[in-house]
Amino acid sequence: MEDENFSIRFRMARIDRADLEIMESTHPDGLIRRFINRRGEGLHHICFEVADAEAALNELKERGVPVLSDKVVLTANLKAFFLHPACLGGILVEFVEGIHPWLEGVTHQIDPLRH
């Protein structure tokens, strides 16, 4: 899939209860290309699902945790915000309320070989 707003091509996969997203920049000045130029290839961000993004954002701000924005971002059917990458050694931390639209209908599957 491609997201022209962020100049990326990406694929997502659900493995057990974790969602992985592989991203590739589609533009030399795109967000991911700039990240790779500054920090090299590797882990860009991790994401945690929260029941209420605005409440989570406000609680973290009250505790003095550095966030990138004072407001949640509204994208597709989710609300999200990021912590400053300095909080976790240069890796962005995202908090999301809702489900990524490209995972709509994907459910958690129990691996019968592991249980």
N, C-alpha and C. Protein backbone atom coordinates (compact mmCIF):
# COMPACT_ATOMS: atom_id res chain seq x y z
N MET A 1 0.84 -1.18 0.00
CA MET A 1 0.00 0.00 0.00
C MET A 1 0.88 1.24 0.00
N GLU A 2 0.30 2.33 -0.48
CA GLU A 2 1.02 3.60 -0.46
C GLU A 2 0.19 4.65 0.25
N ASP A 3 0.89 5.55 0.93
CA ASP A 3 0.26 6.70 1.57
C ASP A 3 0.95 7.93 1.02
N GLU A 4 0.27 8.63 0.13
CA GLU A 4 0.87 9.80 -0.52
C GLU A 4 1.10 10.94 0.46
N ASN A 5 0.29 11.04 1.52
CA ASN A 5 0.45 12.12 2.51
C ASN A 5 1.81 12.04 3.19
N PHE A 6 2.30 10.82 3.42
CA PHE A 6 3.58 10.64 4.10
C PHE A 6 4.68 10.15 3.17
N SER A 7 4.39 10.05 1.87
CA SER A 7 5.37 9.61 0.87
C SER A 7 6.00 8.27 1.25
N ILE A 8 5.15 7.30 1.57
CA ILE A 8 5.65 5.98 1.93
C ILE A 8 4.89 4.87 1.20
N ARG A 9 5.58 3.78 1.01
CA ARG A 9 4.99 2.51 0.59
C ARG A 9 5.16 1.59 1.78
N PHE A 10 4.13 0.84 2.14
CA PHE A 10 4.23 0.04 3.35
C PHE A 10 3.44 -1.26 3.25
N ARG A 11 3.80 -2.18 4.10
CA ARG A 11 3.08 -3.43 4.28
C ARG A 11 2.93 -3.65 5.78
N MET A 12 1.79 -4.17 6.18
CA MET A 12 1.57 -4.48 7.59
C MET A 12 1.25 -5.95 7.73
N ALA A 13 1.68 -6.51 8.85
CA ALA A 13 1.40 -7.91 9.14
C ALA A 13 1.07 -8.04 10.62
N ARG A 14 0.10 -8.85 10.91
CA ARG A 14 -0.24 -9.14 12.31
C ARG A 14 0.38 -10.49 12.65
N ILE A 15 1.21 -10.50 13.68
CA ILE A 15 1.84 -11.72 14.17
C ILE A 15 1.46 -11.85 15.63
N ASP A 16 0.67 -12.88 15.92
CA ASP A 16 0.12 -13.07 17.25
C ASP A 16 -0.65 -11.80 17.61
N ARG A 17 -0.24 -11.06 18.62
CA ARG A 17 -0.95 -9.84 19.00
C ARG A 17 -0.14 -8.58 18.68
N ALA A 18 0.85 -8.72 17.82
CA ALA A 18 1.69 -7.58 17.44
C ALA A 18 1.50 -7.27 15.96
N ASP A 19 1.47 -5.99 15.63
CA ASP A 19 1.38 -5.55 14.24
C ASP A 19 2.73 -4.97 13.83
N LEU A 20 3.26 -5.45 12.73
CA LEU A 20 4.53 -4.95 12.20
C LEU A 20 4.26 -4.20 10.91
N GLU A 21 4.97 -3.10 10.73
CA GLU A 21 4.81 -2.29 9.52
C GLU A 21 6.19 -2.05 8.93
N ILE A 22 6.36 -2.42 7.67
CA ILE A 22 7.61 -2.18 6.95
C ILE A 22 7.36 -0.99 6.03
N MET A 23 8.20 0.04 6.13
CA MET A 23 7.99 1.27 5.37
C MET A 23 9.17 1.55 4.44
N GLU A 24 8.83 2.12 3.28
CA GLU A 24 9.82 2.53 2.30
C GLU A 24 9.44 3.92 1.80
N SER A 25 10.39 4.81 1.73
CA SER A 25 10.11 6.16 1.24
C SER A 25 9.87 6.12 -0.26
N THR A 26 8.90 6.89 -0.73
CA THR A 26 8.63 7.00 -2.16
C THR A 26 9.08 8.34 -2.71
N HIS A 27 9.70 9.16 -1.86
CA HIS A 27 10.14 10.49 -2.27
C HIS A 27 11.46 10.81 -1.57
N PRO A 28 12.42 11.42 -2.28
CA PRO A 28 13.71 11.71 -1.67
C PRO A 28 13.64 12.64 -0.45
N ASP A 29 12.58 13.44 -0.35
CA ASP A 29 12.42 14.34 0.79
C ASP A 29 11.33 13.85 1.76
N GLY A 30 10.90 12.60 1.60
CA GLY A 30 9.84 12.06 2.44
C GLY A 30 10.28 11.87 3.89
N LEU A 31 9.31 11.76 4.77
CA LEU A 31 9.54 11.61 6.20
C LEU A 31 10.47 10.43 6.52
N ILE A 32 10.21 9.28 5.93
CA ILE A 32 11.02 8.09 6.22
C ILE A 32 12.42 8.23 5.62
N ARG A 33 12.54 8.81 4.42
CA ARG A 33 13.86 9.03 3.81
C ARG A 33 14.69 9.95 4.70
N ARG A 34 14.09 11.00 5.22
CA ARG A 34 14.82 11.92 6.11
C ARG A 34 15.27 11.20 7.38
N PHE A 35 14.39 10.35 7.92
CA PHE A 35 14.73 9.57 9.11
C PHE A 35 15.93 8.67 8.83
N ILE A 36 15.90 7.94 7.72
CA ILE A 36 16.99 7.03 7.37
C ILE A 36 18.28 7.81 7.13
N ASN A 37 18.19 8.96 6.48
CA ASN A 37 19.39 9.77 6.23
C ASN A 37 20.03 10.22 7.55
N ARG A 38 19.21 10.55 8.55
CA ARG A 38 19.73 11.02 9.84
C ARG A 38 20.21 9.89 10.73
N ARG A 39 19.45 8.78 10.77
CA ARG A 39 19.70 7.75 11.78
C ARG A 39 20.07 6.38 11.23
N GLY A 40 19.97 6.21 9.92
CA GLY A 40 20.25 4.91 9.33
C GLY A 40 19.01 4.03 9.35
N GLU A 41 19.11 2.90 8.69
CA GLU A 41 17.98 1.98 8.65
C GLU A 41 17.78 1.33 10.00
N GLY A 42 16.57 0.90 10.26
CA GLY A 42 16.30 0.22 11.51
C GLY A 42 14.90 0.53 12.01
N LEU A 43 14.71 0.37 13.31
CA LEU A 43 13.42 0.57 13.94
C LEU A 43 13.06 2.05 13.96
N HIS A 44 11.91 2.40 13.42
CA HIS A 44 11.45 3.78 13.37
C HIS A 44 10.60 4.12 14.58
N HIS A 45 9.57 3.30 14.84
CA HIS A 45 8.75 3.57 16.02
C HIS A 45 8.01 2.32 16.50
N ILE A 46 7.59 2.40 17.76
CA ILE A 46 6.73 1.36 18.30
C ILE A 46 5.42 2.02 18.68
N CYS A 47 4.36 1.23 18.68
CA CYS A 47 3.03 1.79 18.88
C CYS A 47 2.30 0.99 19.96
N PHE A 48 1.59 1.71 20.82
CA PHE A 48 0.77 1.09 21.85
C PHE A 48 -0.67 1.55 21.65
N GLU A 49 -1.60 0.60 21.75
CA GLU A 49 -3.01 0.94 21.66
C GLU A 49 -3.50 1.41 23.03
N VAL A 50 -4.28 2.49 23.03
CA VAL A 50 -4.88 3.01 24.25
C VAL A 50 -6.38 3.18 24.04
N ALA A 51 -7.13 3.12 25.12
CA ALA A 51 -8.59 3.26 25.03
C ALA A 51 -8.99 4.70 24.72
N ASP A 52 -8.22 5.67 25.23
CA ASP A 52 -8.55 7.08 25.06
C ASP A 52 -7.25 7.86 24.83
N ALA A 53 -6.99 8.21 23.58
CA ALA A 53 -5.73 8.88 23.23
C ALA A 53 -5.60 10.24 23.90
N GLU A 54 -6.67 11.00 23.96
CA GLU A 54 -6.59 12.34 24.57
C GLU A 54 -6.28 12.23 26.07
N ALA A 55 -6.91 11.29 26.76
CA ALA A 55 -6.63 11.11 28.19
C ALA A 55 -5.19 10.66 28.40
N ALA A 56 -4.71 9.73 27.56
CA ALA A 56 -3.33 9.25 27.67
C ALA A 56 -2.34 10.39 27.43
N LEU A 57 -2.61 11.20 26.40
CA LEU A 57 -1.75 12.33 26.10
C LEU A 57 -1.69 13.30 27.28
N ASN A 58 -2.85 13.63 27.82
CA ASN A 58 -2.90 14.57 28.95
C ASN A 58 -2.18 14.02 30.17
N GLU A 59 -2.34 12.74 30.45
CA GLU A 59 -1.66 12.15 31.61
C GLU A 59 -0.15 12.18 31.44
N LEU A 60 0.34 11.83 30.25
CA LEU A 60 1.79 11.86 30.02
C LEU A 60 2.33 13.28 30.11
N LYS A 61 1.61 14.25 29.56
CA LYS A 61 2.06 15.65 29.65
C LYS A 61 2.11 16.10 31.10
N GLU A 62 1.09 15.73 31.91
CA GLU A 62 1.06 16.10 33.33
C GLU A 62 2.24 15.51 34.08
N ARG A 63 2.72 14.36 33.64
CA ARG A 63 3.85 13.69 34.29
C ARG A 63 5.20 14.20 33.75
N GLY A 64 5.16 15.15 32.82
CA GLY A 64 6.39 15.72 32.29
C GLY A 64 7.05 14.94 31.18
N VAL A 65 6.34 13.99 30.59
CA VAL A 65 6.89 13.21 29.48
C VAL A 65 6.86 14.08 28.22
N PRO A 66 7.98 14.23 27.52
CA PRO A 66 7.99 15.08 26.33
C PRO A 66 7.22 14.45 25.16
N VAL A 67 6.22 15.17 24.69
CA VAL A 67 5.42 14.73 23.55
C VAL A 67 5.71 15.63 22.36
N LEU A 68 5.42 15.14 21.15
CA LEU A 68 5.71 15.92 19.95
C LEU A 68 4.63 16.94 19.62
N SER A 69 3.42 16.75 20.16
CA SER A 69 2.33 17.66 19.86
C SER A 69 1.41 17.75 21.07
N ASP A 70 0.78 18.90 21.24
CA ASP A 70 -0.16 19.08 22.34
C ASP A 70 -1.54 18.52 22.03
N LYS A 71 -1.73 18.04 20.81
CA LYS A 71 -3.02 17.50 20.39
C LYS A 71 -2.83 16.15 19.73
N VAL A 72 -3.88 15.32 19.76
CA VAL A 72 -3.83 14.06 19.04
C VAL A 72 -4.01 14.35 17.55
N VAL A 73 -3.45 13.48 16.72
CA VAL A 73 -3.57 13.57 15.27
C VAL A 73 -4.74 12.69 14.86
N LEU A 74 -5.61 13.19 14.00
CA LEU A 74 -6.72 12.42 13.49
C LEU A 74 -6.38 11.92 12.11
N THR A 75 -6.26 10.60 11.95
CA THR A 75 -5.92 9.98 10.67
C THR A 75 -6.82 8.78 10.46
N ALA A 76 -7.48 8.72 9.32
CA ALA A 76 -8.39 7.61 9.01
C ALA A 76 -9.36 7.42 10.16
N ASN A 77 -9.41 6.24 10.75
CA ASN A 77 -10.34 6.01 11.85
C ASN A 77 -9.61 5.89 13.19
N LEU A 78 -8.49 6.58 13.33
CA LEU A 78 -7.77 6.50 14.59
C LEU A 78 -7.29 7.87 15.05
N LYS A 79 -7.04 7.94 16.35
CA LYS A 79 -6.43 9.11 16.96
C LYS A 79 -5.06 8.68 17.46
N ALA A 80 -4.05 9.52 17.26
CA ALA A 80 -2.70 9.12 17.63
C ALA A 80 -1.89 10.31 18.12
N PHE A 81 -0.85 10.01 18.90
CA PHE A 81 0.15 11.00 19.27
C PHE A 81 1.47 10.29 19.50
N PHE A 82 2.57 11.05 19.47
CA PHE A 82 3.91 10.50 19.61
C PHE A 82 4.64 11.13 20.78
N LEU A 83 5.46 10.33 21.42
CA LEU A 83 6.42 10.86 22.39
C LEU A 83 7.65 11.31 21.62
N HIS A 84 8.40 12.21 22.20
CA HIS A 84 9.65 12.65 21.59
C HIS A 84 10.61 11.47 21.53
N PRO A 85 11.34 11.29 20.42
CA PRO A 85 12.24 10.14 20.30
C PRO A 85 13.34 10.08 21.36
N ALA A 86 13.64 11.19 22.01
CA ALA A 86 14.66 11.17 23.06
C ALA A 86 14.22 10.33 24.25
N CYS A 87 12.93 10.06 24.38
CA CYS A 87 12.42 9.25 25.50
C CYS A 87 12.89 7.81 25.44
N LEU A 88 13.17 7.31 24.23
CA LEU A 88 13.51 5.90 24.08
C LEU A 88 14.68 5.72 23.11
N GLY A 89 15.75 6.43 23.37
CA GLY A 89 16.97 6.25 22.59
C GLY A 89 16.85 6.53 21.11
N GLY A 90 16.01 7.49 20.72
CA GLY A 90 15.88 7.87 19.32
C GLY A 90 14.74 7.19 18.59
N ILE A 91 14.01 6.31 19.25
CA ILE A 91 12.88 5.63 18.62
C ILE A 91 11.60 6.36 19.01
N LEU A 92 10.76 6.65 18.02
CA LEU A 92 9.47 7.26 18.31
C LEU A 92 8.58 6.27 19.03
N VAL A 93 7.76 6.76 19.93
CA VAL A 93 6.75 5.95 20.59
C VAL A 93 5.40 6.56 20.25
N GLU A 94 4.53 5.74 19.66
CA GLU A 94 3.21 6.20 19.24
C GLU A 94 2.15 5.56 20.13
N PHE A 95 1.12 6.33 20.44
CA PHE A 95 -0.06 5.81 21.14
C PHE A 95 -1.25 6.01 20.23
N VAL A 96 -2.05 4.96 20.04
CA VAL A 96 -3.15 4.99 19.07
C VAL A 96 -4.45 4.56 19.73
N GLU A 97 -5.50 5.31 19.44
CA GLU A 97 -6.87 4.91 19.80
C GLU A 97 -7.56 4.52 18.51
N GLY A 98 -8.02 3.30 18.42
CA GLY A 98 -8.65 2.81 17.20
C GLY A 98 -7.76 1.76 16.55
N ILE A 99 -8.18 1.31 15.40
CA ILE A 99 -7.41 0.30 14.68
C ILE A 99 -6.98 0.87 13.34
N HIS A 100 -5.76 0.54 12.93
CA HIS A 100 -5.31 0.99 11.61
C HIS A 100 -6.29 0.48 10.57
N PRO A 101 -6.76 1.34 9.67
CA PRO A 101 -7.79 0.94 8.71
C PRO A 101 -7.39 -0.23 7.82
N TRP A 102 -6.11 -0.41 7.55
CA TRP A 102 -5.69 -1.50 6.68
C TRP A 102 -5.68 -2.82 7.44
N LEU A 103 -5.94 -2.80 8.75
CA LEU A 103 -6.06 -4.03 9.52
C LEU A 103 -7.52 -4.32 9.87
N GLU A 104 -8.44 -3.51 9.37
CA GLU A 104 -9.87 -3.69 9.62
C GLU A 104 -10.26 -5.13 9.29
N GLY A 105 -10.92 -5.79 10.21
CA GLY A 105 -11.37 -7.15 9.97
C GLY A 105 -10.35 -8.22 10.32
N VAL A 106 -9.09 -7.83 10.57
CA VAL A 106 -8.07 -8.80 10.96
C VAL A 106 -8.26 -9.08 12.44
N THR A 107 -8.33 -10.33 12.81
CA THR A 107 -8.51 -10.68 14.21
C THR A 107 -7.33 -11.47 14.73
N HIS A 108 -7.21 -11.49 16.02
CA HIS A 108 -6.14 -12.25 16.67
C HIS A 108 -6.42 -13.74 16.48
N GLN A 109 -5.45 -14.46 15.99
CA GLN A 109 -5.58 -15.89 15.78
C GLN A 109 -4.63 -16.62 16.73
N ILE A 110 -5.15 -17.59 17.45
CA ILE A 110 -4.31 -18.38 18.35
C ILE A 110 -3.64 -19.48 17.54
N ASP A 111 -2.34 -19.58 17.66
CA ASP A 111 -1.59 -20.64 16.97
C ASP A 111 -1.77 -21.93 17.73
N PRO A 112 -2.44 -22.93 17.15
CA PRO A 112 -2.72 -24.17 17.88
C PRO A 112 -1.44 -24.94 18.23
N LEU A 113 -0.35 -24.69 17.53
CA LEU A 113 0.91 -25.39 17.82
C LEU A 113 1.60 -24.83 19.05
N ARG A 114 1.24 -23.59 19.42
CA ARG A 114 1.88 -22.94 20.57
C ARG A 114 1.05 -23.09 21.84
N HIS A 115 -0.20 -23.50 21.71
CA HIS A 115 -1.08 -23.53 22.89
C HIS A 115 -1.61 -24.92 23.15
